[in-house]
Amino acid sequence: MTEADTVTRQILVEELLPHAPEVIWKALTSGALMGRWLMEPRGFEPVVGNRFTYQTSPAGEWDGTIQCEVLTIVPNSRFAYSWAGGHAANQGYGSRLDTVVTFDLAAVAGGTLLRLTHSGFELPRNETAFTNMRHGWEKVVKQVGTVAAEAEVG
């Protein structure tokens, strides 16, 4: 396989959530709330340049640590961070992954349109991650709405 055989893909999930952008923003950028809709971040602060980690199931040469760095913070509008993990020696689950997760929020009638874009999957190397995470992010985005509703009431 040559580099020309590599295709870069992204995951895009959109969901209309019945909450103001400020409420969704809080759910997206609070470490305690992030842990309820995805995984508990270690060392997270919503500050550009902040490095933090998530921990998931190890595989082969990879210890399961996802290395992240906050790339963009535009309050109530855009939150982006790098998402890197895996190991070059692994095939399938746990293969080397170097991607970016972006959340865009737009106020619309009835609430907020939340758009998640997870970009940078290199296929075929990241095929397993792309497939698993595509289905996972669909569930996660809905969970953001649930957590936001609970945080709004609380």
Protein backbone atom coordinates (compact mmCIF):
# COMPACT_ATOMS: atom_id res chain seq x y z
CA MET A 1 0.00 0.00 0.00
CA THR A 2 1.25 3.46 -0.82
CA GLU A 3 0.47 6.81 0.73
CA ALA A 4 -1.74 7.46 -2.30
CA ASP A 5 -3.94 4.57 -1.14
CA THR A 6 -4.70 6.36 2.15
CA VAL A 7 -8.05 8.14 2.39
CA THR A 8 -8.72 10.70 5.14
CA ARG A 9 -12.25 10.64 6.55
CA GLN A 10 -14.26 12.47 9.18
CA ILE A 11 -17.25 11.73 11.35
CA LEU A 12 -20.05 14.30 11.38
CA VAL A 13 -22.95 14.13 13.84
CA GLU A 14 -25.61 16.84 14.20
CA GLU A 15 -28.29 17.01 16.85
CA LEU A 16 -30.86 19.65 17.76
CA LEU A 17 -30.85 19.95 21.54
CA PRO A 18 -33.64 21.81 23.36
CA HIS A 19 -31.28 23.97 25.45
CA ALA A 20 -29.58 27.33 25.02
CA PRO A 21 -25.99 27.29 23.69
CA GLU A 22 -24.73 28.40 27.14
CA VAL A 23 -26.19 25.25 28.71
CA ILE A 24 -24.69 22.95 26.05
CA TRP A 25 -21.38 24.81 26.37
CA LYS A 26 -21.27 24.11 30.11
CA ALA A 27 -21.84 20.38 29.49
CA LEU A 28 -19.09 20.34 26.84
CA THR A 29 -16.44 22.26 28.79
CA SER A 30 -16.87 21.16 32.41
CA GLY A 31 -14.54 18.29 33.28
CA ALA A 32 -17.05 16.81 35.73
CA LEU A 33 -19.84 16.90 33.14
CA MET A 34 -17.58 15.61 30.32
CA GLY A 35 -17.06 12.50 32.41
CA ARG A 36 -20.80 11.87 32.30
CA TRP A 37 -21.22 12.02 28.52
CA LEU A 38 -17.89 10.58 27.35
CA MET A 39 -15.03 9.68 29.71
CA GLU A 40 -13.57 11.44 32.70
CA PRO A 41 -10.78 13.73 31.48
CA ARG A 42 -7.61 13.93 33.54
CA GLY A 43 -6.10 17.41 33.81
CA PHE A 44 -8.74 19.13 31.70
CA GLU A 45 -9.22 22.91 31.73
CA PRO A 46 -11.07 24.78 28.96
CA VAL A 47 -7.98 26.82 28.02
CA VAL A 48 -6.21 26.77 24.65
CA GLY A 49 -2.99 24.78 25.00
CA ASN A 50 -4.20 22.75 27.98
CA ARG A 51 -3.15 19.11 27.67
CA PHE A 52 -5.32 16.40 29.15
CA THR A 53 -5.96 12.68 28.79
CA TYR A 54 -8.75 10.14 28.62
CA GLN A 55 -8.20 6.52 29.56
CA THR A 56 -9.79 3.66 27.61
CA SER A 57 -9.11 -0.06 27.13
CA PRO A 58 -5.46 -0.86 26.29
CA ALA A 59 -4.63 -2.93 23.21
CA GLY A 60 -1.34 -4.51 22.19
CA GLU A 61 1.48 -1.97 22.48
CA TRP A 62 -0.95 0.85 23.37
CA ASP A 63 -1.70 1.57 27.04
CA GLY A 64 -5.17 3.01 26.27
CA THR A 65 -4.24 6.63 26.97
CA ILE A 66 -5.76 9.22 24.64
CA GLN A 67 -3.61 12.37 24.56
CA CYS A 68 -5.55 15.60 23.98
CA GLU A 69 -4.78 19.29 23.70
CA VAL A 70 -7.33 22.11 23.65
CA LEU A 71 -7.01 23.82 20.25
CA THR A 72 -9.96 26.24 20.12
CA ILE A 73 -12.23 27.89 22.68
CA VAL A 74 -14.90 30.28 21.44
CA PRO A 75 -17.41 30.46 24.32
CA ASN A 76 -20.88 29.15 23.46
CA SER A 77 -19.80 28.57 19.87
CA ARG A 78 -16.76 26.31 19.20
CA PHE A 79 -14.65 23.89 21.23
CA ALA A 80 -11.94 21.79 19.58
CA TYR A 81 -9.19 19.50 20.82
CA SER A 82 -6.70 17.05 19.41
CA TRP A 83 -7.30 13.34 20.03
CA ALA A 84 -4.23 11.11 19.65
CA GLY A 85 -3.57 7.58 20.76
CA GLY A 86 -2.78 4.08 19.68
CA HIS A 87 0.53 2.60 18.64
CA ALA A 88 2.15 2.15 15.23
CA ALA A 89 2.66 -1.59 15.87
CA ASN A 90 -1.07 -2.21 16.39
CA GLN A 91 -3.51 -3.25 13.69
CA GLY A 92 -7.26 -2.62 14.09
CA TYR A 93 -8.24 -1.43 17.58
CA GLY A 94 -5.40 0.60 19.05
CA SER A 95 -3.71 1.53 15.76
CA ARG A 96 -2.00 4.94 15.70
CA LEU A 97 -4.60 7.72 15.62
CA ASP A 98 -3.98 11.48 15.29
CA THR A 99 -7.29 13.34 14.93
CA VAL A 100 -9.24 16.46 15.97
CA VAL A 101 -12.64 16.64 17.70
CA THR A 102 -14.64 19.85 17.11
CA PHE A 103 -17.96 20.87 18.64
CA ASP A 104 -19.82 23.72 16.94
CA LEU A 105 -22.92 25.25 18.53
CA ALA A 106 -25.51 27.39 16.77
CA ALA A 107 -28.56 28.95 18.39
CA VAL A 108 -31.69 27.92 16.47
CA ALA A 109 -35.42 28.07 17.11
CA GLY A 110 -36.08 25.57 19.86
CA GLY A 111 -32.55 25.32 21.22
CA THR A 112 -29.06 24.62 19.90
CA LEU A 113 -27.80 22.77 16.86
CA LEU A 114 -24.77 20.81 18.04
CA ARG A 115 -22.41 19.67 15.29
CA LEU A 116 -19.62 17.29 16.18
CA THR A 117 -16.84 16.74 13.66
CA HIS A 118 -14.12 14.19 14.38
CA SER A 119 -11.59 14.57 11.57
CA GLY A 120 -8.31 13.02 10.47
CA PHE A 121 -9.05 9.29 10.29
CA GLU A 122 -6.59 7.71 7.86
CA LEU A 123 -8.16 4.71 6.15
CA PRO A 124 -7.50 1.86 5.98
CA ARG A 125 -5.21 2.14 9.06
CA ASN A 126 -7.92 3.75 11.26
CA GLU A 127 -10.88 1.79 9.84
CA THR A 128 -11.70 0.13 13.18
CA ALA A 129 -11.56 3.42 15.11
CA PHE A 130 -13.58 5.21 12.42
CA THR A 131 -16.35 2.61 12.45
CA ASN A 132 -16.52 2.24 16.24
CA MET A 133 -16.30 5.95 16.96
CA ARG A 134 -18.86 6.90 14.32
CA HIS A 135 -21.47 4.83 16.15
CA GLY A 136 -20.16 5.93 19.53
CA TRP A 137 -20.32 9.66 18.78
CA GLU A 138 -23.96 9.33 17.70
CA LYS A 139 -24.78 8.08 21.21
CA VAL A 140 -22.46 10.57 22.91
CA VAL A 141 -24.03 13.62 21.25
CA LYS A 142 -27.47 12.57 22.52
CA GLN A 143 -25.94 12.05 25.98
CA VAL A 144 -24.59 15.63 25.92
CA GLY A 145 -28.22 16.77 25.72
CA THR A 146 -29.21 14.57 28.65
CA VAL A 147 -26.34 15.82 30.80
CA ALA A 148 -27.08 19.44 29.82
CA ALA A 149 -30.73 19.02 30.86
CA GLU A 150 -29.70 17.64 34.26
CA ALA A 151 -27.12 20.42 34.74
CA GLU A 152 -29.70 23.08 33.78
CA VAL A 153 -32.12 21.81 36.42
CA GLY A 154 -29.42 21.27 39.07
